[in-house]
Amino acid sequence: MQSITNKYLKSLFNSISTELIELVKQAEKMPYTTQNNYGQYLKLLTMLKPQIGLNNAVQLLIMARGNKQGLLDAKNIINNQGA
């Protein structure tokens, strides 16, 4: 199952990498008002979650060189809000 997921994410990333990299660049240009810029990543994950799922969105943004800790912090916030 892991292999299928990895292939799916790589294929999806190859299709939309330019857009994802631009989203990350825009988020990183903003002044950090939250630790690891999780506030900006929270916005991106909220936007992408309905289309590709939260875990996939996190992985794709990490692949686009997003701040890993900021993305994981934002993911935890989203997960805790749904609890």
N, C-alpha and C. Protein backbone atom coordinates (compact mmCIF):
# COMPACT_ATOMS: atom_id res chain seq x y z
N MET A 1 0.82 -1.20 0.00
CA MET A 1 0.00 0.00 0.00
C MET A 1 0.86 1.26 0.00
N GLN A 2 1.94 1.23 0.79
CA GLN A 2 2.84 2.37 0.88
C GLN A 2 3.39 2.73 -0.50
N SER A 3 3.75 1.72 -1.27
CA SER A 3 4.33 1.95 -2.60
C SER A 3 3.33 2.62 -3.53
N ILE A 4 2.08 2.21 -3.48
CA ILE A 4 1.04 2.82 -4.31
C ILE A 4 0.85 4.28 -3.92
N THR A 5 0.82 4.55 -2.62
CA THR A 5 0.67 5.92 -2.13
C THR A 5 1.84 6.78 -2.57
N ASN A 6 3.06 6.25 -2.45
CA ASN A 6 4.24 7.01 -2.86
C ASN A 6 4.20 7.31 -4.35
N LYS A 7 3.82 6.34 -5.15
CA LYS A 7 3.73 6.56 -6.60
C LYS A 7 2.67 7.62 -6.92
N TYR A 8 1.54 7.54 -6.23
CA TYR A 8 0.47 8.52 -6.43
C TYR A 8 0.96 9.92 -6.09
N LEU A 9 1.62 10.06 -4.94
CA LEU A 9 2.10 11.38 -4.51
C LEU A 9 3.16 11.91 -5.47
N LYS A 10 4.07 11.06 -5.90
CA LYS A 10 5.10 11.50 -6.84
C LYS A 10 4.49 11.94 -8.16
N SER A 11 3.51 11.19 -8.63
CA SER A 11 2.83 11.55 -9.88
C SER A 11 2.08 12.86 -9.73
N LEU A 12 1.35 12.99 -8.63
CA LEU A 12 0.61 14.22 -8.37
C LEU A 12 1.56 15.40 -8.22
N PHE A 13 2.65 15.20 -7.50
CA PHE A 13 3.62 16.28 -7.32
C PHE A 13 4.20 16.71 -8.67
N ASN A 14 4.53 15.75 -9.50
CA ASN A 14 5.08 16.08 -10.82
C ASN A 14 4.08 16.89 -11.64
N SER A 15 2.80 16.63 -11.45
CA SER A 15 1.77 17.34 -12.20
C SER A 15 1.57 18.78 -11.73
N ILE A 16 1.72 19.00 -10.44
CA ILE A 16 1.40 20.32 -9.88
C ILE A 16 2.56 20.94 -9.10
N SER A 17 3.78 20.46 -9.34
CA SER A 17 4.92 20.93 -8.55
C SER A 17 5.14 22.44 -8.66
N THR A 18 4.98 22.98 -9.86
CA THR A 18 5.19 24.42 -10.03
C THR A 18 4.26 25.22 -9.13
N GLU A 19 3.00 24.83 -9.10
CA GLU A 19 2.01 25.53 -8.28
C GLU A 19 2.30 25.37 -6.79
N LEU A 20 2.66 24.14 -6.39
CA LEU A 20 2.95 23.90 -4.97
C LEU A 20 4.18 24.68 -4.52
N ILE A 21 5.21 24.67 -5.33
CA ILE A 21 6.43 25.41 -4.98
C ILE A 21 6.13 26.90 -4.85
N GLU A 22 5.30 27.41 -5.73
CA GLU A 22 4.92 28.83 -5.65
C GLU A 22 4.13 29.12 -4.38
N LEU A 23 3.22 28.22 -4.00
CA LEU A 23 2.46 28.40 -2.76
C LEU A 23 3.40 28.45 -1.56
N VAL A 24 4.37 27.55 -1.54
CA VAL A 24 5.34 27.51 -0.44
C VAL A 24 6.17 28.80 -0.43
N LYS A 25 6.62 29.23 -1.59
CA LYS A 25 7.41 30.47 -1.66
C LYS A 25 6.62 31.65 -1.12
N GLN A 26 5.35 31.74 -1.51
CA GLN A 26 4.52 32.84 -1.02
C GLN A 26 4.35 32.76 0.50
N ALA A 27 4.13 31.57 1.02
CA ALA A 27 3.97 31.40 2.47
C ALA A 27 5.25 31.80 3.20
N GLU A 28 6.39 31.40 2.65
CA GLU A 28 7.66 31.69 3.31
C GLU A 28 8.07 33.16 3.19
N LYS A 29 7.50 33.88 2.22
CA LYS A 29 7.78 35.31 2.09
C LYS A 29 7.11 36.11 3.20
N MET A 30 6.03 35.58 3.72
CA MET A 30 5.29 36.28 4.76
C MET A 30 6.11 36.29 6.05
N PRO A 31 6.01 37.38 6.81
CA PRO A 31 6.72 37.40 8.10
C PRO A 31 6.19 36.28 9.01
N TYR A 32 7.09 35.64 9.69
CA TYR A 32 6.69 34.58 10.61
C TYR A 32 5.98 35.19 11.82
N THR A 33 4.69 34.98 11.90
CA THR A 33 3.93 35.45 13.05
C THR A 33 3.59 34.29 13.97
N THR A 34 3.91 33.07 13.51
CA THR A 34 3.71 31.86 14.31
C THR A 34 4.98 31.03 14.20
N GLN A 35 5.20 30.17 15.19
CA GLN A 35 6.40 29.34 15.19
C GLN A 35 6.43 28.45 13.95
N ASN A 36 7.56 28.43 13.27
CA ASN A 36 7.74 27.64 12.04
C ASN A 36 6.74 28.00 10.95
N ASN A 37 6.13 29.16 11.08
CA ASN A 37 5.18 29.67 10.09
C ASN A 37 3.94 28.78 9.93
N TYR A 38 3.58 28.08 11.00
CA TYR A 38 2.45 27.16 10.89
C TYR A 38 1.16 27.87 10.52
N GLY A 39 1.05 29.15 10.84
CA GLY A 39 -0.17 29.90 10.50
C GLY A 39 -0.40 29.97 9.00
N GLN A 40 0.67 30.22 8.25
CA GLN A 40 0.55 30.25 6.79
C GLN A 40 0.26 28.86 6.23
N TYR A 41 0.89 27.85 6.81
CA TYR A 41 0.66 26.48 6.34
C TYR A 41 -0.74 25.99 6.71
N LEU A 42 -1.26 26.50 7.79
CA LEU A 42 -2.64 26.17 8.17
C LEU A 42 -3.60 26.60 7.07
N LYS A 43 -3.38 27.79 6.52
CA LYS A 43 -4.21 28.27 5.41
C LYS A 43 -4.09 27.36 4.19
N LEU A 44 -2.86 26.99 3.85
CA LEU A 44 -2.64 26.14 2.67
C LEU A 44 -3.27 24.76 2.86
N LEU A 45 -3.07 24.17 4.03
CA LEU A 45 -3.63 22.84 4.27
C LEU A 45 -5.15 22.87 4.27
N THR A 46 -5.73 23.92 4.82
CA THR A 46 -7.19 24.05 4.81
C THR A 46 -7.72 24.15 3.38
N MET A 47 -6.96 24.82 2.52
CA MET A 47 -7.36 24.96 1.13
C MET A 47 -7.21 23.63 0.37
N LEU A 48 -6.14 22.89 0.63
CA LEU A 48 -5.85 21.67 -0.13
C LEU A 48 -6.56 20.43 0.41
N LYS A 49 -6.87 20.42 1.69
CA LYS A 49 -7.45 19.24 2.34
C LYS A 49 -8.68 18.68 1.62
N PRO A 50 -9.66 19.49 1.24
CA PRO A 50 -10.85 18.92 0.58
C PRO A 50 -10.53 18.27 -0.78
N GLN A 51 -9.48 18.72 -1.43
CA GLN A 51 -9.16 18.22 -2.77
C GLN A 51 -8.32 16.95 -2.73
N ILE A 52 -7.33 16.90 -1.82
CA ILE A 52 -6.40 15.77 -1.86
C ILE A 52 -6.21 15.09 -0.51
N GLY A 53 -6.87 15.56 0.50
CA GLY A 53 -6.73 14.97 1.83
C GLY A 53 -5.59 15.63 2.60
N LEU A 54 -5.72 15.63 3.90
CA LEU A 54 -4.76 16.33 4.76
C LEU A 54 -3.37 15.72 4.68
N ASN A 55 -3.26 14.40 4.83
CA ASN A 55 -1.94 13.77 4.83
C ASN A 55 -1.24 13.96 3.50
N ASN A 56 -1.97 13.83 2.40
CA ASN A 56 -1.37 14.04 1.09
C ASN A 56 -0.91 15.49 0.92
N ALA A 57 -1.72 16.42 1.39
CA ALA A 57 -1.36 17.84 1.29
C ALA A 57 -0.08 18.12 2.05
N VAL A 58 0.05 17.56 3.26
CA VAL A 58 1.27 17.76 4.05
C VAL A 58 2.47 17.22 3.29
N GLN A 59 2.35 15.99 2.80
CA GLN A 59 3.48 15.38 2.10
C GLN A 59 3.87 16.16 0.84
N LEU A 60 2.89 16.60 0.09
CA LEU A 60 3.18 17.36 -1.13
C LEU A 60 3.85 18.69 -0.83
N LEU A 61 3.41 19.36 0.22
CA LEU A 61 4.03 20.65 0.57
C LEU A 61 5.44 20.46 1.13
N ILE A 62 5.67 19.36 1.80
CA ILE A 62 7.04 19.04 2.23
C ILE A 62 7.91 18.78 1.00
N MET A 63 7.37 18.05 0.04
CA MET A 63 8.10 17.79 -1.20
C MET A 63 8.41 19.09 -1.94
N ALA A 64 7.56 20.09 -1.76
CA ALA A 64 7.76 21.40 -2.40
C ALA A 64 8.67 22.30 -1.55
N ARG A 65 9.35 21.70 -0.59
CA ARG A 65 10.30 22.38 0.29
C ARG A 65 9.65 23.29 1.33
N GLY A 66 8.45 22.93 1.74
CA GLY A 66 7.81 23.66 2.82
C GLY A 66 8.48 23.32 4.15
N ASN A 67 8.29 24.17 5.13
CA ASN A 67 8.85 23.97 6.46
C ASN A 67 8.15 22.77 7.10
N LYS A 68 8.89 21.66 7.24
CA LYS A 68 8.30 20.41 7.71
C LYS A 68 7.64 20.56 9.07
N GLN A 69 8.34 21.20 10.00
CA GLN A 69 7.77 21.34 11.35
C GLN A 69 6.54 22.24 11.33
N GLY A 70 6.57 23.30 10.55
CA GLY A 70 5.41 24.17 10.43
C GLY A 70 4.22 23.42 9.86
N LEU A 71 4.46 22.58 8.87
CA LEU A 71 3.38 21.79 8.28
C LEU A 71 2.83 20.77 9.26
N LEU A 72 3.71 20.12 10.00
CA LEU A 72 3.25 19.13 10.99
C LEU A 72 2.49 19.80 12.12
N ASP A 73 2.93 20.99 12.54
CA ASP A 73 2.20 21.73 13.58
C ASP A 73 0.81 22.12 13.09
N ALA A 74 0.74 22.59 11.85
CA ALA A 74 -0.56 22.97 11.28
C ALA A 74 -1.47 21.75 11.15
N LYS A 75 -0.90 20.62 10.75
CA LYS A 75 -1.68 19.38 10.63
C LYS A 75 -2.25 18.98 11.98
N ASN A 76 -1.43 19.09 13.03
CA ASN A 76 -1.90 18.74 14.38
C ASN A 76 -3.04 19.65 14.82
N ILE A 77 -2.96 20.91 14.50
CA ILE A 77 -4.04 21.84 14.85
C ILE A 77 -5.33 21.44 14.15
N ILE A 78 -5.24 21.14 12.86
CA ILE A 78 -6.43 20.73 12.10
C ILE A 78 -7.00 19.45 12.67
N ASN A 79 -6.15 18.48 12.97
CA ASN A 79 -6.62 17.22 13.54
C ASN A 79 -7.29 17.40 14.89
N ASN A 80 -6.74 18.27 15.71
CA ASN A 80 -7.30 18.50 17.05
C ASN A 80 -8.62 19.25 17.01
N GLN A 81 -8.82 20.08 15.98
CA GLN A 81 -10.08 20.80 15.85
C GLN A 81 -11.22 19.85 15.50
N GLY A 82 -10.88 18.77 14.81
CA GLY A 82 -11.91 17.81 14.41
C GLY A 82 -12.27 16.83 15.49
N ALA A 83 -11.50 16.85 16.60
CA ALA A 83 -11.73 15.86 17.68
C ALA A 83 -12.90 16.22 18.54
